[in-house]
Amino acid sequence: MIDPKPFAELLETDPLAPLQAAIVSSLKLLNPGVTVVPHPGKVDVSELISRTVVNAPGIGLGWSKVKTGQHAEGMFYLVVEWVAYIVAEAKVVGARRVEKEAVGLAIGGRLLEILADLETSLWGRSGVLPPETTPPAELKPLFTIRDAAQGVAYYTVTWTQIVPALGTGFMPPHAGRYDEQLGAIVYPDADMIDELAPWIPAEREADEDA
């Protein structure tokens, strides 16, 4: 049964907004010179064209869908489908002009490289799993011919990550210690064994007097 949760506590225990902030912070740190900002959800192309999302070269980090699932012990998990919106314009680097398509591909390829790193893609946080490989992270073009004529190209990088072990399970949280001499798991309190008994499959020993 779920207990009431005050609004302040609701914000404090939310796993998604802090994770989005951590992703934005990590991408900023790993990509100096590229603007990285959070976005509240799915981008409308008109927002990109009017530059209300992010200035080029830049990334707007949003999400398209969050699904939920249940762990066997009663806790739940969230499956988050993240979307990085890339805005690219032609840029002079040194004395050389780099076209918008090359800028977009470079940023998109960099995001795929980061997502492929099992440590970096945890964004410095516990309680999140590495990006899913089914489906894998994906880079796609988003812009139209009209957008290209305006000198801007748009791309998206999408990936899925799971935030596991949320909520409260119905199984007792007791932990025991394996005793090699006894060949059994020993608990500090006998009451813990009684509370765990309904969840532990066991075979009753035959009565010797039977």
Protein backbone atom coordinates (compact mmCIF):
# COMPACT_ATOMS: atom_id res chain seq x y z
CA MET A 1 0.00 0.00 0.00
CA ILE A 2 1.29 3.46 -0.89
CA ASP A 3 1.43 6.07 1.88
CA PRO A 4 0.73 9.79 1.36
CA LYS A 5 3.76 11.81 0.21
CA PRO A 6 3.92 15.61 0.71
CA PHE A 7 4.81 17.67 -2.35
CA ALA A 8 8.24 18.65 -0.97
CA GLU A 9 9.09 14.98 -0.42
CA LEU A 10 7.75 14.14 -3.87
CA LEU A 11 10.27 16.53 -5.42
CA GLU A 12 13.07 15.32 -3.16
CA THR A 13 12.60 11.66 -4.07
CA ASP A 14 12.02 12.15 -7.82
CA PRO A 15 14.63 10.05 -9.70
CA LEU A 16 14.17 11.60 -13.16
CA ALA A 17 14.86 15.34 -12.91
CA PRO A 18 18.19 14.83 -11.07
CA LEU A 19 19.21 12.23 -13.64
CA GLN A 20 18.45 14.62 -16.51
CA ALA A 21 20.46 17.34 -14.75
CA ALA A 22 23.37 14.90 -14.32
CA ILE A 23 23.33 14.01 -18.03
CA VAL A 24 23.33 17.70 -19.00
CA SER A 25 26.18 18.42 -16.59
CA SER A 26 28.24 15.49 -17.88
CA LEU A 27 27.74 16.44 -21.53
CA LYS A 28 28.72 20.04 -20.80
CA LEU A 29 31.91 18.90 -19.11
CA LEU A 30 32.82 16.42 -21.85
CA ASN A 31 32.06 18.77 -24.76
CA PRO A 32 33.49 22.25 -24.11
CA GLY A 33 32.39 24.69 -26.78
CA VAL A 34 29.04 22.92 -27.29
CA THR A 35 25.96 24.40 -25.61
CA VAL A 36 24.05 21.78 -23.59
CA VAL A 37 20.68 22.58 -22.02
CA PRO A 38 17.78 20.53 -20.61
CA HIS A 39 14.49 20.32 -22.50
CA PRO A 40 11.21 19.35 -20.80
CA GLY A 41 10.13 16.79 -23.38
CA LYS A 42 9.64 16.36 -27.08
CA VAL A 43 10.89 19.18 -29.30
CA ASP A 44 8.73 20.82 -31.95
CA VAL A 45 10.73 21.59 -35.10
CA SER A 46 9.42 25.16 -35.06
CA GLU A 47 11.11 25.61 -31.67
CA LEU A 48 14.41 24.58 -33.17
CA ILE A 49 14.00 26.90 -36.15
CA SER A 50 13.19 29.87 -33.91
CA ARG A 51 16.21 29.04 -31.70
CA THR A 52 14.10 28.84 -28.55
CA VAL A 53 15.67 25.51 -27.58
CA VAL A 54 19.43 25.85 -27.94
CA ASN A 55 21.96 27.92 -29.85
CA ALA A 56 24.22 26.17 -32.36
CA PRO A 57 26.37 24.25 -31.92
CA GLY A 58 24.31 22.77 -29.17
CA ILE A 59 22.36 19.93 -27.60
CA GLY A 60 18.92 20.05 -26.00
CA LEU A 61 18.51 17.05 -23.70
CA GLY A 62 14.92 15.83 -23.39
CA TRP A 63 12.95 12.60 -23.31
CA SER A 64 10.19 11.08 -25.40
CA LYS A 65 8.73 8.35 -23.17
CA VAL A 66 8.96 6.81 -19.70
CA LYS A 67 7.62 3.30 -19.09
CA THR A 68 7.44 1.30 -15.89
CA GLY A 69 7.86 -2.32 -14.88
CA GLN A 70 7.74 -4.43 -11.72
CA HIS A 71 10.58 -6.25 -10.00
CA ALA A 72 9.84 -9.70 -8.58
CA GLU A 73 10.29 -8.51 -4.99
CA GLY A 74 7.70 -5.74 -5.37
CA MET A 75 9.87 -2.75 -6.24
CA PHE A 76 9.49 -1.09 -9.64
CA TYR A 77 11.73 0.34 -12.33
CA LEU A 78 11.49 3.08 -14.97
CA VAL A 79 12.52 2.74 -18.61
CA VAL A 80 13.45 6.21 -19.89
CA GLU A 81 13.78 6.98 -23.60
CA TRP A 82 16.15 9.96 -23.78
CA VAL A 83 16.45 12.29 -26.78
CA ALA A 84 19.36 14.63 -27.47
CA TYR A 85 18.39 17.29 -30.03
CA ILE A 86 21.47 18.54 -31.91
CA VAL A 87 21.46 21.97 -33.59
CA ALA A 88 24.31 22.55 -36.05
CA GLU A 89 25.44 25.47 -38.19
CA ALA A 90 28.49 25.93 -40.41
CA LYS A 91 31.42 27.03 -38.26
CA VAL A 92 34.89 28.40 -38.88
CA VAL A 93 37.42 26.36 -36.93
CA GLY A 94 40.90 27.84 -37.19
CA ALA A 95 41.07 29.04 -40.77
CA ARG A 96 38.79 26.30 -42.10
CA ARG A 97 35.03 26.39 -42.64
CA VAL A 98 33.24 23.30 -41.37
CA GLU A 99 29.81 22.71 -42.90
CA LYS A 100 26.73 22.22 -40.74
CA GLU A 101 26.36 18.56 -41.68
CA ALA A 102 29.90 17.82 -40.52
CA VAL A 103 29.29 19.72 -37.28
CA GLY A 104 26.11 17.74 -36.60
CA LEU A 105 27.71 14.41 -37.37
CA ALA A 106 30.69 15.22 -35.16
CA ILE A 107 28.47 16.06 -32.18
CA GLY A 108 26.22 13.06 -32.81
CA GLY A 109 29.18 10.73 -33.12
CA ARG A 110 30.60 12.11 -29.89
CA LEU A 111 27.35 11.37 -28.07
CA LEU A 112 27.38 7.79 -29.37
CA GLU A 113 30.96 7.43 -28.15
CA ILE A 114 29.98 8.65 -24.68
CA LEU A 115 26.96 6.36 -24.54
CA ALA A 116 29.14 3.37 -25.48
CA ASP A 117 31.36 3.95 -22.42
CA LEU A 118 29.91 1.87 -19.57
CA GLU A 119 31.28 4.12 -16.82
CA THR A 120 30.72 7.56 -18.36
CA SER A 121 27.16 6.74 -19.41
CA LEU A 122 26.17 6.31 -15.75
CA TRP A 123 26.54 10.11 -15.48
CA GLY A 124 28.29 9.97 -12.13
CA ARG A 125 25.21 8.59 -10.39
CA SER A 126 24.25 5.38 -8.67
CA GLY A 127 20.84 3.84 -9.26
CA VAL A 128 20.95 3.90 -13.06
CA LEU A 129 21.94 1.16 -15.50
CA PRO A 130 24.10 1.60 -18.63
CA PRO A 131 22.24 2.41 -21.85
CA GLU A 132 20.29 -0.50 -23.30
CA THR A 133 21.74 -2.26 -26.33
CA THR A 134 18.30 -3.41 -27.52
CA PRO A 135 17.44 -0.99 -28.96
CA PRO A 136 20.90 0.55 -29.30
CA ALA A 137 21.64 4.28 -29.19
CA GLU A 138 20.81 5.84 -32.54
CA LEU A 139 21.72 9.00 -34.50
CA LYS A 140 19.12 10.33 -36.97
CA PRO A 141 18.68 13.45 -39.12
CA LEU A 142 15.71 15.65 -38.21
CA PHE A 143 15.97 18.60 -40.59
CA THR A 144 14.17 19.29 -43.86
CA ILE A 145 15.41 20.83 -47.11
CA ARG A 146 13.94 24.17 -45.99
CA ASP A 147 15.91 23.99 -42.75
CA ALA A 148 19.07 23.20 -44.68
CA ALA A 149 18.47 26.21 -46.93
CA GLN A 150 18.33 28.37 -43.79
CA GLY A 151 21.79 27.19 -42.88
CA VAL A 152 20.85 24.96 -39.97
CA ALA A 153 20.84 21.17 -39.60
CA TYR A 154 19.14 19.19 -36.85
CA TYR A 155 19.83 15.68 -35.61
CA THR A 156 18.66 13.48 -32.74
CA VAL A 157 20.49 10.90 -30.68
CA THR A 158 18.14 8.55 -28.84
CA TRP A 159 18.88 5.92 -26.22
CA THR A 160 17.12 4.01 -23.44
CA GLN A 161 18.21 3.67 -19.81
CA ILE A 162 16.64 1.86 -16.88
CA VAL A 163 16.34 3.34 -13.39
CA PRO A 164 15.90 0.22 -11.22
CA ALA A 165 14.89 -0.64 -7.66
CA LEU A 166 12.44 2.19 -6.93
CA GLY A 167 9.74 2.14 -4.29
CA THR A 168 9.42 -0.36 -1.48
CA GLY A 169 9.38 -4.12 -1.93
CA PHE A 170 7.18 -6.50 0.00
CA MET A 171 10.03 -8.89 0.90
CA PRO A 172 11.82 -8.33 4.22
CA PRO A 173 15.15 -6.54 3.68
CA HIS A 174 17.11 -8.75 6.08
CA ALA A 175 20.61 -9.82 5.09
CA GLY A 176 22.41 -12.86 6.48
CA ARG A 177 26.02 -14.08 6.54
CA TYR A 178 27.18 -17.35 5.04
CA ASP A 179 28.87 -19.58 7.64
CA GLU A 180 31.32 -21.98 5.96
CA GLN A 181 31.46 -24.35 8.93
CA LEU A 182 27.69 -24.70 9.14
CA GLY A 183 27.23 -24.55 5.39
CA ALA A 184 24.27 -22.24 5.92
CA ILE A 185 23.27 -18.58 5.96
CA VAL A 186 23.19 -17.24 9.52
CA TYR A 187 20.99 -14.31 10.58
CA PRO A 188 21.65 -12.21 13.70
CA ASP A 189 18.04 -12.52 14.86
CA ALA A 190 15.89 -15.64 14.70
CA ASP A 191 12.80 -13.47 14.04
CA MET A 192 14.36 -12.51 10.70
CA ILE A 193 14.22 -16.13 9.58
CA ASP A 194 10.52 -16.33 10.45
CA GLU A 195 9.82 -13.16 8.42
CA LEU A 196 11.79 -14.50 5.46
CA ALA A 197 10.34 -18.02 5.63
CA PRO A 198 7.35 -17.38 3.32
CA TRP A 199 9.72 -16.21 0.59
CA ILE A 200 12.34 -18.96 0.87
CA PRO A 201 11.62 -22.23 -0.94
CA ALA A 202 12.43 -25.08 1.44
CA GLU A 203 12.00 -28.83 1.58
CA ARG A 204 10.67 -30.30 4.81
CA GLU A 205 12.90 -33.03 6.25
CA ALA A 206 11.27 -36.35 6.94
CA ASP A 207 10.47 -37.09 10.58
CA GLU A 208 12.82 -39.87 11.81
CA ASP A 209 10.08 -41.30 14.01
CA ALA A 210 7.62 -41.54 11.16
